[in-house]
């Protein structure tokens, strides 16, 4: 049995810690949200009263937080991870953050004689619950090798992407591709409908043709076609618009840093910005389908009264 410290018990961290507990490990979790702590406790997580309590005595410490600024905050300071981690403790950040924040964590850990890997995930809330997440890991070879064992109870696939920040670089590129694919599903589904095609029939055609993608298979933005679509639940979030906007923004920042032109990612950002401007940042990112509808209405979405 290993002992894990875990910072961030939200939509992803909650089910991920539950899988560690189910595998027979001890998990000490910390979160500022009382509801998240209650839910995690019901799954067998021991709720720590502070970051220090979660970190001390742990074989590995995971962070799963919304933004880079949150990750930096929990690592720094007299009450942070660096102040209380032991030399034998492996630190892993599974948040989706900017390259600079990941580098900050690598360099800050190394300067203190601590082990750190970036280990972001793909697969969403459903993958977290089912322990089928894909982990992308970056860091020193001996640290990434150790990380694979700690990750195993939560993962369907773990791939060592390379050296420091390679994991988060892979995640940023992957999510950018996801949102571009999502735009294709939004446009294709609406054009097919207006041309008189049955939504289920067209989805089946795309599924065995060149229009197939993970977004088309999992997040198809039309109700009654696939069970996993947010369109079946008034586009309640499985992946929030505002978080998708954050992620595609990370890709565009990386594009500026490297000189790579990203016109499709720029369009995805415009879609998310438009929904946020309407006050829909908390809805599912597949609601971009609303932006391509001739009159802004789509099947499966009813405007909520404010």
C-alpha atoms as a PDB file:
ATOM      1  CA  UNK A   1       0.000   0.000   0.000  1.00  0.00           C
ATOM      2  CA  UNK A   2       1.227   3.470  -0.880  1.00  0.00           C
ATOM      3  CA  UNK A   3       0.308   6.719   0.854  1.00  0.00           C
ATOM      4  CA  UNK A   4      -0.825   9.535  -1.421  1.00  0.00           C
ATOM      5  CA  UNK A   5      -1.264  13.220  -0.765  1.00  0.00           C
ATOM      6  CA  UNK A   6      -3.778  14.851  -3.104  1.00  0.00           C
ATOM      7  CA  UNK A   7      -4.476  18.540  -3.622  1.00  0.00           C
ATOM      8  CA  UNK A   8      -7.674  19.233  -5.587  1.00  0.00           C
ATOM      9  CA  UNK A   9     -10.703  16.969  -5.093  1.00  0.00           C
ATOM     10  CA  UNK A  10     -12.977  18.389  -7.802  1.00  0.00           C
ATOM     11  CA  UNK A  11     -14.612  16.790 -10.828  1.00  0.00           C
ATOM     12  CA  UNK A  12     -11.390  15.041 -11.824  1.00  0.00           C
ATOM     13  CA  UNK A  13      -9.526  14.687  -8.539  1.00  0.00           C
ATOM     14  CA  UNK A  14     -12.529  13.223  -6.723  1.00  0.00           C
ATOM     15  CA  UNK A  15     -12.976  10.109  -8.869  1.00  0.00           C
ATOM     16  CA  UNK A  16      -9.231   9.712  -9.389  1.00  0.00           C
ATOM     17  CA  UNK A  17      -8.626   9.500  -5.649  1.00  0.00           C
ATOM     18  CA  UNK A  18     -11.530   7.071  -5.351  1.00  0.00           C
ATOM     19  CA  UNK A  19      -9.723   4.722  -7.733  1.00  0.00           C
ATOM     20  CA  UNK A  20      -6.556   4.894  -5.635  1.00  0.00           C
ATOM     21  CA  UNK A  21      -8.591   4.026  -2.539  1.00  0.00           C
ATOM     22  CA  UNK A  22     -10.297   1.173  -4.389  1.00  0.00           C
ATOM     23  CA  UNK A  23      -6.855  -0.187  -5.270  1.00  0.00           C
ATOM     24  CA  UNK A  24      -6.022  -0.407  -1.569  1.00  0.00           C
ATOM     25  CA  UNK A  25      -3.997   2.770  -1.106  1.00  0.00           C
ATOM     26  CA  UNK A  26      -4.280   5.462   1.559  1.00  0.00           C
ATOM     27  CA  UNK A  27      -5.169   8.913   0.218  1.00  0.00           C
ATOM     28  CA  UNK A  28      -4.961  12.141   2.208  1.00  0.00           C
ATOM     29  CA  UNK A  29      -6.859  14.786   0.275  1.00  0.00           C
ATOM     30  CA  UNK A  30      -7.143  18.553   0.563  1.00  0.00           C
ATOM     31  CA  UNK A  31      -9.506  20.989  -1.121  1.00  0.00           C
ATOM     32  CA  UNK A  32     -10.869  24.435  -0.284  1.00  0.00           C
ATOM     33  CA  UNK A  33     -14.379  23.345  -1.351  1.00  0.00           C
ATOM     34  CA  UNK A  34     -16.232  21.676   1.559  1.00  0.00           C
ATOM     35  CA  UNK A  35     -18.617  19.856  -0.799  1.00  0.00           C
ATOM     36  CA  UNK A  36     -15.704  18.316  -2.684  1.00  0.00           C
ATOM     37  CA  UNK A  37     -14.208  17.168   0.615  1.00  0.00           C
ATOM     38  CA  UNK A  38     -17.488  15.587   1.712  1.00  0.00           C
ATOM     39  CA  UNK A  39     -17.835  13.698  -1.569  1.00  0.00           C
ATOM     40  CA  UNK A  40     -14.222  12.498  -1.414  1.00  0.00           C
ATOM     41  CA  UNK A  41     -14.610  11.368   2.196  1.00  0.00           C
ATOM     42  CA  UNK A  42     -17.610   9.280   1.197  1.00  0.00           C
ATOM     43  CA  UNK A  43     -15.319   7.528  -1.309  1.00  0.00           C
ATOM     44  CA  UNK A  44     -12.775   6.669   1.372  1.00  0.00           C
ATOM     45  CA  UNK A  45     -10.379   9.609   1.123  1.00  0.00           C
ATOM     46  CA  UNK A  46      -8.976  10.923   4.414  1.00  0.00           C
ATOM     47  CA  UNK A  47      -9.559  14.679   4.437  1.00  0.00           C
ATOM     48  CA  UNK A  48      -6.496  16.668   5.474  1.00  0.00           C
ATOM     49  CA  UNK A  49      -6.826  19.984   7.247  1.00  0.00           C
ATOM     50  CA  UNK A  50      -3.965  21.578   5.328  1.00  0.00           C
ATOM     51  CA  UNK A  51      -1.596  21.081   2.420  1.00  0.00           C
ATOM     52  CA  UNK A  52       1.137  20.242   4.917  1.00  0.00           C
ATOM     53  CA  UNK A  53      -0.962  17.467   6.444  1.00  0.00           C
ATOM     54  CA  UNK A  54      -1.697  16.000   3.025  1.00  0.00           C
ATOM     55  CA  UNK A  55       1.958  16.091   1.976  1.00  0.00           C
ATOM     56  CA  UNK A  56       3.788  14.892   5.092  1.00  0.00           C
ATOM     57  CA  UNK A  57       4.499  11.167   5.080  1.00  0.00           C
ATOM     58  CA  UNK A  58       3.192  10.645   1.541  1.00  0.00           C
ATOM     59  CA  UNK A  59       4.993   8.507  -1.023  1.00  0.00           C
ATOM     60  CA  UNK A  60       3.590  10.656  -3.826  1.00  0.00           C
ATOM     61  CA  UNK A  61       1.677  13.938  -3.986  1.00  0.00           C
ATOM     62  CA  UNK A  62      -0.657  14.793  -6.865  1.00  0.00           C
ATOM     63  CA  UNK A  63      -2.051  18.194  -7.721  1.00  0.00           C
ATOM     64  CA  UNK A  64      -5.182  18.432  -9.890  1.00  0.00           C
ATOM     65  CA  UNK A  65      -6.178  22.093 -10.054  1.00  0.00           C
ATOM     66  CA  UNK A  66      -7.942  24.421 -12.540  1.00  0.00           C
ATOM     67  CA  UNK A  67      -5.147  26.836 -13.502  1.00  0.00           C
ATOM     68  CA  UNK A  68      -1.417  27.432 -13.373  1.00  0.00           C
ATOM     69  CA  UNK A  69      -1.823  30.155 -10.765  1.00  0.00           C
ATOM     70  CA  UNK A  70      -3.456  27.642  -8.419  1.00  0.00           C
ATOM     71  CA  UNK A  71      -0.647  25.136  -8.930  1.00  0.00           C
ATOM     72  CA  UNK A  72       2.015  27.751  -8.210  1.00  0.00           C
ATOM     73  CA  UNK A  73       0.164  28.832  -5.081  1.00  0.00           C
ATOM     74  CA  UNK A  74       0.045  25.354  -3.541  1.00  0.00           C
ATOM     75  CA  UNK A  75       3.726  24.708  -4.238  1.00  0.00           C
ATOM     76  CA  UNK A  76       5.083  27.978  -2.863  1.00  0.00           C
ATOM     77  CA  UNK A  77       5.254  29.436   0.629  1.00  0.00           C
ATOM     78  CA  UNK A  78       5.731  28.147   4.136  1.00  0.00           C
ATOM     79  CA  UNK A  79       2.455  26.230   3.959  1.00  0.00           C
ATOM     80  CA  UNK A  80       3.039  24.825   0.473  1.00  0.00           C
ATOM     81  CA  UNK A  81       4.099  21.502  -0.965  1.00  0.00           C
ATOM     82  CA  UNK A  82       7.793  22.358  -1.302  1.00  0.00           C
ATOM     83  CA  UNK A  83       8.019  23.306   2.360  1.00  0.00           C
ATOM     84  CA  UNK A  84       6.724  19.937   3.553  1.00  0.00           C
ATOM     85  CA  UNK A  85       7.699  17.329   0.941  1.00  0.00           C
ATOM     86  CA  UNK A  86      10.466  14.870   1.717  1.00  0.00           C
ATOM     87  CA  UNK A  87      13.304  13.984  -0.630  1.00  0.00           C
ATOM     88  CA  UNK A  88      11.749  10.562  -1.257  1.00  0.00           C
ATOM     89  CA  UNK A  89       8.308  11.946  -2.116  1.00  0.00           C
ATOM     90  CA  UNK A  90       7.449  12.070  -5.813  1.00  0.00           C
ATOM     91  CA  UNK A  91       5.518  15.200  -6.818  1.00  0.00           C
ATOM     92  CA  UNK A  92       3.155  14.954  -9.796  1.00  0.00           C
ATOM     93  CA  UNK A  93       1.058  17.707 -11.349  1.00  0.00           C
ATOM     94  CA  UNK A  94      -1.895  16.410 -13.362  1.00  0.00           C
ATOM     95  CA  UNK A  95      -3.432  19.847 -13.943  1.00  0.00           C
ATOM     96  CA  UNK A  96      -3.613  21.384 -17.398  1.00  0.00           C
ATOM     97  CA  UNK A  97      -1.346  24.417 -17.083  1.00  0.00           C
ATOM     98  CA  UNK A  98       0.898  26.611 -19.192  1.00  0.00           C
ATOM     99  CA  UNK A  99       4.403  25.487 -20.128  1.00  0.00           C
ATOM    100  CA  UNK A 100       5.938  28.184 -17.915  1.00  0.00           C
ATOM    101  CA  UNK A 101       4.119  26.946 -14.804  1.00  0.00           C
ATOM    102  CA  UNK A 102       5.196  23.378 -15.459  1.00  0.00           C
ATOM    103  CA  UNK A 103       8.793  24.506 -15.920  1.00  0.00           C
ATOM    104  CA  UNK A 104       8.492  26.522 -12.695  1.00  0.00           C
ATOM    105  CA  UNK A 105       7.482  23.351 -10.830  1.00  0.00           C
ATOM    106  CA  UNK A 106      10.279  21.279 -12.376  1.00  0.00           C
ATOM    107  CA  UNK A 107      12.980  23.843 -11.691  1.00  0.00           C
ATOM    108  CA  UNK A 108      11.726  24.736  -8.221  1.00  0.00           C
ATOM    109  CA  UNK A 109      11.552  21.084  -7.207  1.00  0.00           C
ATOM    110  CA  UNK A 110      14.999  20.319  -8.573  1.00  0.00           C
ATOM    111  CA  UNK A 111      16.519  23.310  -6.775  1.00  0.00           C
ATOM    112  CA  UNK A 112      15.161  21.908  -3.504  1.00  0.00           C
ATOM    113  CA  UNK A 113      16.356  18.361  -4.146  1.00  0.00           C
ATOM    114  CA  UNK A 114      12.830  17.118  -4.787  1.00  0.00           C
ATOM    115  CA  UNK A 115      11.415  14.852  -7.516  1.00  0.00           C
ATOM    116  CA  UNK A 116       8.764  16.236  -9.875  1.00  0.00           C
ATOM    117  CA  UNK A 117       6.998  15.101 -13.054  1.00  0.00           C
ATOM    118  CA  UNK A 118       4.302  16.752 -15.128  1.00  0.00           C
ATOM    119  CA  UNK A 119       1.545  14.185 -15.611  1.00  0.00           C
ATOM    120  CA  UNK A 120      -1.575  15.695 -17.244  1.00  0.00           C
ATOM    121  CA  UNK A 121      -4.449  13.486 -18.323  1.00  0.00           C
ATOM    122  CA  UNK A 122      -6.933  13.051 -21.136  1.00  0.00           C
ATOM    123  CA  UNK A 123     -10.285  11.317 -20.896  1.00  0.00           C
ATOM    124  CA  UNK A 124     -12.457  13.710 -18.937  1.00  0.00           C
ATOM    125  CA  UNK A 125     -14.732  13.059 -15.977  1.00  0.00           C
ATOM    126  CA  UNK A 126     -15.952   9.746 -17.395  1.00  0.00           C
ATOM    127  CA  UNK A 127     -12.381   8.527 -17.846  1.00  0.00           C
ATOM    128  CA  UNK A 128     -11.506   9.611 -14.312  1.00  0.00           C
ATOM    129  CA  UNK A 129     -14.441   7.633 -12.917  1.00  0.00           C
ATOM    130  CA  UNK A 130     -13.697   4.548 -15.008  1.00  0.00           C
ATOM    131  CA  UNK A 131      -9.930   4.599 -14.350  1.00  0.00           C
ATOM    132  CA  UNK A 132      -9.280   4.783 -18.091  1.00  0.00           C
ATOM    133  CA  UNK A 133      -7.450   8.109 -18.265  1.00  0.00           C
ATOM    134  CA  UNK A 134      -4.509   8.582 -20.608  1.00  0.00           C
ATOM    135  CA  UNK A 135      -1.552  10.069 -18.710  1.00  0.00           C
ATOM    136  CA  UNK A 136       1.211  11.982 -20.492  1.00  0.00           C
ATOM    137  CA  UNK A 137       4.330  12.153 -18.336  1.00  0.00           C
ATOM    138  CA  UNK A 138       7.391  14.396 -18.551  1.00  0.00           C
ATOM    139  CA  UNK A 139      10.523  14.542 -16.423  1.00  0.00           C
ATOM    140  CA  UNK A 140      13.788  12.799 -15.616  1.00  0.00           C
ATOM    141  CA  UNK A 141      13.809   9.151 -16.684  1.00  0.00           C
ATOM    142  CA  UNK A 142      14.127   7.777 -13.145  1.00  0.00           C
ATOM    143  CA  UNK A 143      11.255   9.972 -11.958  1.00  0.00           C
ATOM    144  CA  UNK A 144       8.912   9.124 -14.829  1.00  0.00           C
ATOM    145  CA  UNK A 145       9.594   5.412 -14.311  1.00  0.00           C
ATOM    146  CA  UNK A 146       8.544   5.773 -10.675  1.00  0.00           C
ATOM    147  CA  UNK A 147       5.494   7.799 -11.680  1.00  0.00           C
ATOM    148  CA  UNK A 148       4.089   5.052 -13.888  1.00  0.00           C
ATOM    149  CA  UNK A 149       3.538   2.788 -10.883  1.00  0.00           C
ATOM    150  CA  UNK A 150       1.720   5.460  -8.913  1.00  0.00           C
ATOM    151  CA  UNK A 151      -0.483   6.315 -11.885  1.00  0.00           C
ATOM    152  CA  UNK A 152      -1.477   2.750 -12.790  1.00  0.00           C
ATOM    153  CA  UNK A 153      -4.679   2.467 -10.647  1.00  0.00           C
ATOM    154  CA  UNK A 154      -6.164   5.522 -12.408  1.00  0.00           C
ATOM    155  CA  UNK A 155      -5.043   4.934 -15.982  1.00  0.00           C
ATOM    156  CA  UNK A 156      -6.008   3.095 -19.107  1.00  0.00           C
ATOM    157  CA  UNK A 157      -2.747   4.160 -20.736  1.00  0.00           C
ATOM    158  CA  UNK A 158       0.380   5.927 -19.502  1.00  0.00           C
ATOM    159  CA  UNK A 159       2.893   7.300 -21.987  1.00  0.00           C
ATOM    160  CA  UNK A 160       6.208   8.867 -21.057  1.00  0.00           C
ATOM    161  CA  UNK A 161       6.319  11.835 -23.430  1.00  0.00           C
ATOM    162  CA  UNK A 162       9.893  12.888 -22.728  1.00  0.00           C
ATOM    163  CA  UNK A 163      11.824  15.284 -20.518  1.00  0.00           C
ATOM    164  CA  UNK A 164      10.527  18.094 -18.314  1.00  0.00           C
ATOM    165  CA  UNK A 165       7.291  19.728 -19.616  1.00  0.00           C
ATOM    166  CA  UNK A 166       6.884  17.116 -22.391  1.00  0.00           C
ATOM    167  CA  UNK A 167       3.713  15.784 -20.782  1.00  0.00           C
ATOM    168  CA  UNK A 168       2.000  19.152 -20.559  1.00  0.00           C
ATOM    169  CA  UNK A 169       3.159  20.034 -24.073  1.00  0.00           C
ATOM    170  CA  UNK A 170       1.464  16.867 -25.351  1.00  0.00           C
ATOM    171  CA  UNK A 171      -1.700  17.684 -23.404  1.00  0.00           C
ATOM    172  CA  UNK A 172      -1.897  21.225 -24.775  1.00  0.00           C
ATOM    173  CA  UNK A 173      -1.513  20.001 -28.353  1.00  0.00           C
ATOM    174  CA  UNK A 174      -4.000  17.167 -27.837  1.00  0.00           C
ATOM    175  CA  UNK A 175      -6.697  19.403 -26.352  1.00  0.00           C
ATOM    176  CA  UNK A 176      -6.258  21.905 -29.162  1.00  0.00           C
ATOM    177  CA  UNK A 177      -6.922  19.085 -31.645  1.00  0.00           C
ATOM    178  CA  UNK A 178      -9.968  18.009 -29.627  1.00  0.00           C
ATOM    179  CA  UNK A 179     -11.576  21.444 -29.848  1.00  0.00           C
ATOM    180  CA  UNK A 180     -10.877  21.684 -33.564  1.00  0.00           C
ATOM    181  CA  UNK A 181     -12.525  18.267 -34.009  1.00  0.00           C
ATOM    182  CA  UNK A 182     -15.441  19.494 -31.910  1.00  0.00           C
ATOM    183  CA  UNK A 183     -15.957  22.377 -34.330  1.00  0.00           C
ATOM    184  CA  UNK A 184     -16.165  19.844 -37.159  1.00  0.00           C
ATOM    185  CA  UNK A 185     -18.865  17.898 -35.329  1.00  0.00           C
ATOM    186  CA  UNK A 186     -20.795  21.095 -34.626  1.00  0.00           C
ATOM    187  CA  UNK A 187     -20.732  22.266 -38.238  1.00  0.00           C
ATOM    188  CA  UNK A 188     -21.262  18.820 -39.749  1.00  0.00           C
ATOM    189  CA  UNK A 189     -24.196  17.944 -37.517  1.00  0.00           C
ATOM    190  CA  UNK A 190     -26.041  21.179 -38.287  1.00  0.00           C
ATOM    191  CA  UNK A 191     -25.408  21.126 -42.022  1.00  0.00           C
ATOM    192  CA  UNK A 192     -26.542  17.490 -42.184  1.00  0.00           C
ATOM    193  CA  UNK A 193     -29.774  18.380 -40.404  1.00  0.00           C
ATOM    194  CA  UNK A 194     -30.525  21.294 -42.726  1.00  0.00           C
ATOM    195  CA  UNK A 195     -29.908  19.021 -45.712  1.00  0.00           C
ATOM    196  CA  UNK A 196     -32.562  16.649 -44.407  1.00  0.00           C
ATOM    197  CA  UNK A 197     -30.410  13.846 -43.028  1.00  0.00           C
ATOM    198  CA  UNK A 198     -31.538  11.857 -40.016  1.00  0.00           C
ATOM    199  CA  UNK A 199     -29.108  12.758 -37.162  1.00  0.00           C
ATOM    200  CA  UNK A 200     -28.545   9.170 -36.046  1.00  0.00           C
ATOM    201  CA  UNK A 201     -28.065   7.910 -39.582  1.00  0.00           C
ATOM    202  CA  UNK A 202     -25.558  10.639 -40.396  1.00  0.00           C
ATOM    203  CA  UNK A 203     -23.660   9.960 -37.163  1.00  0.00           C
ATOM    204  CA  UNK A 204     -23.436   6.281 -38.119  1.00  0.00           C
ATOM    205  CA  UNK A 205     -22.115   7.252 -41.565  1.00  0.00           C
ATOM    206  CA  UNK A 206     -19.475   9.559 -40.076  1.00  0.00           C
ATOM    207  CA  UNK A 207     -18.530   6.839 -37.595  1.00  0.00           C
ATOM    208  CA  UNK A 208     -17.374   4.533 -40.390  1.00  0.00           C
ATOM    209  CA  UNK A 209     -16.049   7.294 -42.613  1.00  0.00           C
ATOM    210  CA  UNK A 210     -13.374   9.967 -42.611  1.00  0.00           C
ATOM    211  CA  UNK A 211     -15.396  12.294 -40.374  1.00  0.00           C
ATOM    212  CA  UNK A 212     -14.865  10.016 -37.364  1.00  0.00           C
ATOM    213  CA  UNK A 213     -13.111  11.531 -34.323  1.00  0.00           C
ATOM    214  CA  UNK A 214     -13.130  11.208 -30.544  1.00  0.00           C
ATOM    215  CA  UNK A 215     -15.296  14.334 -30.281  1.00  0.00           C
ATOM    216  CA  UNK A 216     -17.740  12.932 -32.840  1.00  0.00           C
ATOM    217  CA  UNK A 217     -17.861   9.598 -31.006  1.00  0.00           C
ATOM    218  CA  UNK A 218     -18.172  10.994 -27.484  1.00  0.00           C
ATOM    219  CA  UNK A 219     -19.456  14.586 -27.539  1.00  0.00           C
ATOM    220  CA  UNK A 220     -21.672  14.644 -30.640  1.00  0.00           C
ATOM    221  CA  UNK A 221     -23.776  17.796 -30.099  1.00  0.00           C
ATOM    222  CA  UNK A 222     -27.193  16.378 -30.973  1.00  0.00           C
ATOM    223  CA  UNK A 223     -29.535  14.774 -28.415  1.00  0.00           C
ATOM    224  CA  UNK A 224     -30.615  11.157 -28.714  1.00  0.00           C
ATOM    225  CA  UNK A 225     -27.627  10.014 -30.778  1.00  0.00           C
ATOM    226  CA  UNK A 226     -25.018   8.906 -28.215  1.00  0.00           C
ATOM    227  CA  UNK A 227     -25.488   8.477 -24.465  1.00  0.00           C
ATOM    228  CA  UNK A 228     -22.331  10.379 -23.463  1.00  0.00           C
ATOM    229  CA  UNK A 229     -23.317  13.638 -25.194  1.00  0.00           C
ATOM    230  CA  UNK A 230     -24.040  16.714 -23.071  1.00  0.00           C
ATOM    231  CA  UNK A 231     -26.767  17.475 -25.620  1.00  0.00           C
ATOM    232  CA  UNK A 232     -28.900  14.882 -23.824  1.00  0.00           C
ATOM    233  CA  UNK A 233     -28.806  16.971 -20.629  1.00  0.00           C
ATOM    234  CA  UNK A 234     -29.371  20.551 -21.808  1.00  0.00           C
ATOM    235  CA  UNK A 235     -25.610  20.816 -22.380  1.00  0.00           C
ATOM    236  CA  UNK A 236     -24.787  20.609 -18.682  1.00  0.00           C
ATOM    237  CA  UNK A 237     -21.010  20.545 -18.489  1.00  0.00           C
ATOM    238  CA  UNK A 238     -18.852  17.492 -18.894  1.00  0.00           C
ATOM    239  CA  UNK A 239     -16.095  19.923 -19.985  1.00  0.00           C
ATOM    240  CA  UNK A 240     -16.935  23.521 -19.175  1.00  0.00           C
ATOM    241  CA  UNK A 241     -16.736  26.261 -21.804  1.00  0.00           C
ATOM    242  CA  UNK A 242     -14.534  28.448 -19.628  1.00  0.00           C
ATOM    243  CA  UNK A 243     -12.047  25.617 -19.012  1.00  0.00           C
ATOM    244  CA  UNK A 244     -11.985  24.775 -22.723  1.00  0.00           C
ATOM    245  CA  UNK A 245     -11.281  28.463 -23.390  1.00  0.00           C
ATOM    246  CA  UNK A 246      -8.402  28.295 -20.934  1.00  0.00           C
ATOM    247  CA  UNK A 247      -6.945  25.212 -22.625  1.00  0.00           C
ATOM    248  CA  UNK A 248      -7.155  26.516 -26.176  1.00  0.00           C
ATOM    249  CA  UNK A 249      -5.627  29.747 -24.903  1.00  0.00           C
ATOM    250  CA  UNK A 250      -2.648  27.741 -23.642  1.00  0.00           C
ATOM    251  CA  UNK A 251      -2.200  26.329 -27.139  1.00  0.00           C
ATOM    252  CA  UNK A 252      -2.368  29.777 -28.706  1.00  0.00           C
ATOM    253  CA  UNK A 253       0.178  31.068 -26.199  1.00  0.00           C
ATOM    254  CA  UNK A 254       2.453  28.188 -27.156  1.00  0.00           C
ATOM    255  CA  UNK A 255       1.885  29.026 -30.818  1.00  0.00           C
ATOM    256  CA  UNK A 256       3.045  32.584 -30.218  1.00  0.00           C
ATOM    257  CA  UNK A 257       6.072  31.300 -28.322  1.00  0.00           C
ATOM    258  CA  UNK A 258       7.077  28.942 -31.140  1.00  0.00           C
ATOM    259  CA  UNK A 259       5.906  30.940 -34.157  1.00  0.00           C
ATOM    260  CA  UNK A 260       3.415  28.253 -35.239  1.00  0.00           C
ATOM    261  CA  UNK A 261       0.277  29.651 -36.904  1.00  0.00           C
ATOM    262  CA  UNK A 262      -2.932  28.238 -35.404  1.00  0.00           C
ATOM    263  CA  UNK A 263      -5.942  29.605 -37.302  1.00  0.00           C
ATOM    264  CA  UNK A 264      -8.301  26.764 -36.379  1.00  0.00           C
ATOM    265  CA  UNK A 265      -7.441  27.080 -32.680  1.00  0.00           C
ATOM    266  CA  UNK A 266      -8.053  30.823 -32.977  1.00  0.00           C
ATOM    267  CA  UNK A 267     -11.552  30.092 -34.314  1.00  0.00           C
ATOM    268  CA  UNK A 268     -12.195  27.684 -31.436  1.00  0.00           C
ATOM    269  CA  UNK A 269     -11.267  30.451 -29.003  1.00  0.00           C
ATOM    270  CA  UNK A 270     -13.749  32.775 -30.730  1.00  0.00           C
ATOM    271  CA  UNK A 271     -16.490  30.166 -30.290  1.00  0.00           C
ATOM    272  CA  UNK A 272     -15.799  29.847 -26.567  1.00  0.00           C
ATOM    273  CA  UNK A 273     -15.495  33.611 -26.109  1.00  0.00           C
ATOM    274  CA  UNK A 274     -18.899  34.076 -27.736  1.00  0.00           C
ATOM    275  CA  UNK A 275     -20.537  31.632 -25.325  1.00  0.00           C
ATOM    276  CA  UNK A 276     -18.810  33.205 -22.330  1.00  0.00           C
ATOM    277  CA  UNK A 277     -20.049  36.619 -23.454  1.00  0.00           C
ATOM    278  CA  UNK A 278     -23.592  35.194 -23.309  1.00  0.00           C
ATOM    279  CA  UNK A 279     -23.013  34.013 -19.742  1.00  0.00           C
ATOM    280  CA  UNK A 280     -22.674  30.367 -20.798  1.00  0.00           C
ATOM    281  CA  UNK A 281     -19.151  29.717 -19.551  1.00  0.00           C
ATOM    282  CA  UNK A 282     -20.413  27.061 -17.163  1.00  0.00           C
ATOM    283  CA  UNK A 283     -22.166  25.016 -19.873  1.00  0.00           C
ATOM    284  CA  UNK A 284     -20.582  22.227 -21.887  1.00  0.00           C
ATOM    285  CA  UNK A 285     -18.063  23.195 -24.538  1.00  0.00           C
ATOM    286  CA  UNK A 286     -20.022  21.248 -27.171  1.00  0.00           C
ATOM    287  CA  UNK A 287     -22.598  24.050 -26.993  1.00  0.00           C
ATOM    288  CA  UNK A 288     -20.487  25.778 -29.645  1.00  0.00           C
ATOM    289  CA  UNK A 289     -23.015  24.065 -31.931  1.00  0.00           C
ATOM    290  CA  UNK A 290     -25.287  26.979 -31.008  1.00  0.00           C
ATOM    291  CA  UNK A 291     -22.930  29.368 -32.776  1.00  0.00           C
ATOM    292  CA  UNK A 292     -23.361  27.683 -36.171  1.00  0.00           C
ATOM    293  CA  UNK A 293     -27.141  27.387 -36.040  1.00  0.00           C
ATOM    294  CA  UNK A 294     -28.862  29.882 -38.385  1.00  0.00           C
ATOM    295  CA  UNK A 295     -30.986  31.318 -35.579  1.00  0.00           C
ATOM    296  CA  UNK A 296     -28.913  30.350 -32.533  1.00  0.00           C
ATOM    297  CA  UNK A 297     -31.275  27.575 -31.451  1.00  0.00           C
ATOM    298  CA  UNK A 298     -30.317  23.903 -31.369  1.00  0.00           C
ATOM    299  CA  UNK A 299     -31.976  20.655 -30.392  1.00  0.00           C
ATOM    300  CA  UNK A 300     -31.227  19.702 -26.810  1.00  0.00           C
ATOM    301  CA  UNK A 301     -30.668  23.212 -25.485  1.00  0.00           C
ATOM    302  CA  UNK A 302     -33.255  25.305 -23.668  1.00  0.00           C
ATOM    303  CA  UNK A 303     -32.197  28.771 -22.536  1.00  0.00           C
ATOM    304  CA  UNK A 304     -32.262  28.872 -18.764  1.00  0.00           C
ATOM    305  CA  UNK A 305     -34.133  31.729 -17.105  1.00  0.00           C
ATOM    306  CA  UNK A 306     -31.935  34.049 -15.059  1.00  0.00           C
END
